[in-house]
Protein backbone atom coordinates (compact mmCIF):
# COMPACT_ATOMS: atom_id res chain seq x y z
CA MET A 1 -24.72 -93.26 241.53
CA ARG A 2 -24.82 -97.03 241.35
CA GLY A 3 -27.40 -98.97 239.41
CA ASP A 4 -28.40 -101.31 242.28
CA THR A 5 -31.65 -99.52 243.11
CA GLY A 6 -33.99 -102.48 243.09
CA GLY A 7 -34.96 -101.95 239.48
CA ARG A 8 -36.29 -98.45 240.09
CA THR A 9 -33.62 -96.75 237.95
CA ARG A 10 -32.68 -97.79 234.44
CA ARG A 11 -29.03 -98.40 233.75
CA LEU A 12 -27.75 -96.31 230.88
CA THR A 13 -25.71 -98.83 228.95
CA GLU A 14 -24.43 -102.38 228.65
CA LYS A 15 -21.02 -101.18 227.41
CA LEU A 16 -19.05 -97.95 227.45
CA ASN A 17 -20.84 -95.38 225.32
CA LEU A 18 -19.24 -92.09 224.28
CA TYR A 19 -21.65 -89.23 223.64
CA TYR A 20 -19.80 -86.99 221.22
CA ASP A 21 -20.03 -84.49 218.43
CA ARG A 22 -17.84 -84.57 215.38
CA ALA A 23 -14.50 -82.76 215.93
CA ALA A 24 -15.64 -81.55 219.37
CA CYS A 25 -13.51 -81.87 222.50
CA SER A 26 -14.95 -85.37 222.81
CA LEU A 27 -12.45 -86.34 220.10
CA GLY A 28 -9.76 -86.40 222.80
CA VAL A 29 -11.77 -88.95 224.79
CA ARG A 30 -12.25 -91.06 221.67
CA ILE A 31 -8.49 -91.09 221.08
CA ALA A 32 -8.02 -92.20 224.70
CA LEU A 33 -10.58 -94.99 224.29
CA GLU A 34 -8.78 -96.16 221.16
CA ALA A 35 -5.43 -96.03 222.98
CA ALA A 36 -6.91 -98.18 225.75
CA GLY A 37 -8.32 -100.72 223.31
CA ALA A 38 -11.69 -100.22 224.97
CA ASP A 39 -14.83 -101.91 223.70
CA TYR A 40 -17.16 -98.95 223.34
CA ALA A 41 -20.13 -97.64 221.42
CA ASP A 42 -20.80 -94.03 220.50
CA THR A 43 -23.79 -91.75 220.13
CA ARG A 44 -23.54 -88.49 218.23
CA VAL A 45 -25.04 -85.38 219.80
CA ALA A 46 -25.21 -82.70 217.09
CA ILE A 47 -24.60 -79.50 219.03
CA ARG A 48 -25.43 -77.13 216.16
CA LYS A 49 -28.81 -78.81 215.77
CA GLY A 50 -29.61 -78.25 219.43
CA GLU A 51 -29.44 -81.93 220.33
CA ALA A 52 -27.30 -81.26 223.42
CA GLN A 53 -30.27 -79.38 224.90
CA ALA A 54 -32.85 -81.99 223.94
CA PRO A 55 -34.75 -83.49 226.90
CA GLU A 56 -33.46 -87.00 226.18
CA TYR A 57 -29.83 -85.91 226.24
CA LEU A 58 -30.31 -83.74 229.32
CA LYS A 59 -31.28 -86.95 231.10
CA VAL A 60 -27.80 -88.24 230.22
CA ASN A 61 -25.94 -85.02 231.01
CA PRO A 62 -27.94 -82.24 232.69
CA ALA A 63 -25.22 -79.75 231.69
CA GLY A 64 -26.09 -80.29 228.03
CA ARG A 65 -22.49 -80.70 226.93
CA VAL A 66 -20.26 -83.30 225.34
CA PRO A 67 -18.43 -85.45 226.04
CA SER A 68 -20.36 -87.75 228.31
CA LEU A 69 -19.31 -91.30 229.00
CA ALA A 70 -21.95 -93.84 229.96
CA ILE A 71 -20.45 -96.64 232.04
CA PRO A 72 -21.90 -100.16 232.39
CA GLY A 73 -23.65 -100.66 235.70
CA GLU A 74 -24.12 -96.94 236.28
CA THR A 75 -27.32 -94.92 236.06
CA GLU A 76 -25.59 -91.59 235.52
CA ALA A 77 -23.11 -90.74 232.77
CA LEU A 78 -19.76 -89.20 233.59
CA GLY A 79 -19.16 -85.69 232.26
CA GLU A 80 -16.27 -83.20 232.21
CA LEU A 81 -12.96 -84.04 230.60
CA VAL A 82 -10.79 -84.20 233.72
CA ALA A 83 -13.23 -86.56 235.43
CA ILE A 84 -13.55 -88.80 232.37
CA PHE A 85 -9.80 -89.06 231.87
CA SER A 86 -9.28 -89.75 235.57
CA TRP A 87 -11.75 -92.64 235.46
CA LEU A 88 -10.35 -94.03 232.22
CA ALA A 89 -6.80 -93.88 233.61
CA GLU A 90 -7.89 -96.03 236.55
CA ARG A 91 -9.95 -98.40 234.41
CA PHE A 92 -7.21 -98.84 231.79
CA PRO A 93 -3.91 -98.31 233.66
CA ASP A 94 -1.78 -99.80 230.88
CA ALA A 95 -2.94 -97.15 228.39
CA GLY A 96 -0.78 -94.46 230.02
CA LEU A 97 -3.54 -91.86 229.89
CA LEU A 98 -2.21 -90.19 233.05
CA PRO A 99 0.87 -90.67 235.22
CA PRO A 100 0.05 -93.33 237.83
CA SER A 101 0.29 -91.18 240.96
CA GLY A 102 2.04 -88.43 242.84
CA ILE A 103 3.10 -85.00 241.69
CA GLU A 104 3.33 -85.99 238.02
CA ARG A 105 -0.31 -87.06 237.99
CA ALA A 106 -1.24 -83.80 239.70
CA ARG A 107 0.72 -81.85 237.08
CA ALA A 108 -1.08 -83.69 234.28
CA LEU A 109 -4.48 -82.92 235.82
CA SER A 110 -3.44 -79.29 236.22
CA PHE A 111 -2.45 -79.17 232.54
CA LEU A 112 -5.77 -80.73 231.50
CA SER A 113 -7.67 -78.24 233.65
CA MET A 114 -5.89 -75.33 231.98
CA LEU A 115 -6.75 -76.70 228.55
CA ALA A 116 -10.42 -77.25 229.42
CA THR A 117 -11.06 -74.02 231.30
CA HIS A 118 -8.66 -71.42 229.88
CA ILE A 119 -8.35 -72.44 226.24
CA HIS A 120 -11.77 -74.04 225.76
CA ALA A 121 -14.25 -72.40 228.12
CA SER A 122 -12.72 -68.90 228.25
CA GLY A 123 -11.18 -68.91 224.78
CA PHE A 124 -12.87 -70.94 222.09
CA GLY A 125 -16.28 -70.87 223.77
CA PRO A 126 -16.80 -67.11 223.37
CA PHE A 127 -14.95 -67.09 220.04
CA PHE A 128 -17.31 -69.61 218.43
CA ARG A 129 -20.48 -68.31 220.13
CA PRO A 130 -20.04 -64.59 220.87
CA GLN A 131 -23.82 -64.10 220.81
CA ARG A 132 -23.98 -65.84 224.18
CA PHE A 133 -21.84 -63.12 225.72
CA ALA A 134 -22.86 -59.91 223.96
CA ALA A 135 -25.59 -58.38 221.82
CA GLY A 136 -24.83 -56.49 218.62
CA ASP A 137 -22.15 -56.97 215.98
CA GLU A 138 -19.54 -54.63 217.43
CA ALA A 139 -19.82 -56.02 220.94
CA GLN A 140 -19.57 -59.56 219.61
CA LYS A 141 -16.46 -58.65 217.63
CA ASP A 142 -14.92 -57.36 220.85
CA VAL A 143 -15.79 -60.63 222.59
CA GLN A 144 -14.13 -62.60 219.80
CA ALA A 145 -11.01 -60.45 219.92
CA GLN A 146 -10.68 -60.93 223.67
CA SER A 147 -11.33 -64.66 223.47
CA LEU A 148 -8.79 -65.03 220.67
CA ALA A 149 -6.20 -63.41 222.93
CA THR A 150 -7.10 -65.98 225.58
CA VAL A 151 -6.58 -68.84 223.13
CA ALA A 152 -3.22 -67.38 222.10
CA ASP A 153 -2.21 -67.14 225.75
CA GLY A 154 -3.16 -70.78 226.25
CA TYR A 155 -1.11 -71.78 223.22
CA ARG A 156 1.79 -69.77 224.65
CA GLN A 157 1.55 -71.75 227.88
CA ILE A 158 1.55 -75.03 225.94
CA GLU A 159 4.56 -73.95 223.90
CA ALA A 160 6.47 -73.01 227.06
CA ARG A 161 5.84 -76.42 228.65
CA LEU A 162 6.83 -78.58 225.68
CA GLY A 163 10.24 -79.90 224.75
CA SER A 164 11.57 -80.42 221.26
CA ASP A 165 10.60 -84.09 221.19
CA GLY A 166 8.55 -86.64 223.09
CA PHE A 167 5.21 -85.72 224.58
CA ALA A 168 3.81 -83.29 227.12
CA MET A 169 4.29 -85.51 230.17
CA GLY A 170 7.33 -87.49 229.02
CA ALA A 171 8.30 -90.11 226.49
CA GLN A 172 4.81 -91.60 226.08
CA PRO A 173 1.58 -89.93 224.90
CA SER A 174 -1.11 -89.15 227.45
CA ALA A 175 -4.53 -87.55 227.67
CA VAL A 176 -2.79 -84.17 227.85
CA ASP A 177 -1.35 -84.68 224.37
CA TYR A 178 -4.70 -85.80 222.98
CA MET A 179 -6.36 -82.60 224.18
CA ILE A 180 -3.53 -80.37 222.96
CA TYR A 181 -4.06 -81.98 219.58
CA VAL A 182 -7.82 -81.34 219.63
CA TYR A 183 -7.54 -77.71 220.69
CA GLY A 184 -4.71 -77.21 218.22
CA ARG A 185 -7.01 -78.43 215.44
CA TRP A 186 -9.54 -75.80 216.45
CA GLY A 187 -6.93 -73.13 215.83
CA ALA A 188 -7.46 -73.59 212.09
CA ALA A 189 -10.79 -71.77 212.50
CA THR A 190 -8.97 -68.67 213.79
CA PRO A 191 -6.36 -66.26 212.43
CA ILE A 192 -3.75 -67.89 214.70
CA LYS A 193 -0.93 -69.57 212.77
CA VAL A 194 -0.01 -72.52 214.97
CA ALA A 195 2.79 -73.87 212.77
CA GLU A 196 4.52 -70.49 212.56
CA ASP A 197 3.95 -69.10 216.04
CA TYR A 198 3.98 -72.28 218.15
CA PRO A 199 6.42 -74.70 216.47
CA ARG A 200 6.81 -77.09 219.41
CA MET A 201 3.05 -77.38 219.72
CA ALA A 202 2.73 -77.98 215.97
CA ALA A 203 5.41 -80.68 216.13
CA LEU A 204 3.60 -82.36 219.03
CA MET A 205 0.36 -82.31 217.05
CA ALA A 206 2.12 -84.08 214.19
CA ARG A 207 3.42 -86.76 216.55
CA VAL A 208 -0.03 -87.27 218.06
CA GLU A 209 -1.68 -87.40 214.65
CA ALA A 210 0.73 -90.15 213.57
CA LEU A 211 -0.34 -92.42 216.46
CA PRO A 212 -2.56 -95.39 215.54
CA GLN A 213 -5.15 -94.43 218.16
CA THR A 214 -5.48 -90.97 216.63
CA LYS A 215 -5.76 -92.35 213.11
CA ALA A 216 -8.52 -94.71 214.27
CA ALA A 217 -10.40 -91.90 216.02
CA LEU A 218 -10.19 -89.60 212.99
CA GLU A 219 -11.43 -92.39 210.73
CA LYS A 220 -14.42 -93.09 212.97
CA GLU A 221 -15.46 -89.43 212.88
CA GLY A 222 -14.62 -88.94 209.21
CA LEU A 223 -12.13 -86.17 209.97
CA PRO A 224 -9.13 -85.13 207.86
CA THR A 225 -5.59 -84.91 209.13
CA VAL A 226 -4.32 -81.40 209.82
CA ALA A 227 -0.76 -81.65 211.11
CA GLY A 228 2.18 -81.39 208.75
């Protein structure tokens, strides 16, 4: 939706604005923005405090989720990781966030979709909030056990796709690597031992964490390093 509506609709922002929560999946978008050298602001949306469901934020993103990216000249923020990374890759082509075109770009988008839907939505989502999916302690424990198996399956898929060096899509880091890093960080909150069971994934996380864009993103959110 464009902002040229004769003044009837307020534009959201004068510069790129990332709506995020600390250590959430929005961290991957922040790393991408840092990699692109983008001039951007940020607004924290504290999910645990219910701010993602607040009326003001629902005007930004009716889904009540982060990340959202407000874009200058637009009246509606962009949500969903795959959409945000696709737009950023076109806006900042030199950042290498996605392959430029063709089958390699499609493979990268497929990889990102697996991360966002299988590992995040079907795995970590129920694991962190089992009360949304079942009532009672025992039923919620079952939900967590099943969701943990989904996360482990996602990690297995990542491990199978990675080589012993470089990055997920080749010699240069991309949005796929940034999201593998984020979801790998989340593994610390589970019994899964990433370093022991998924060594190629753990090595990739260390390479991503050593990048200047990742260091800058972690510093801005006040997050510790996790990769060995």
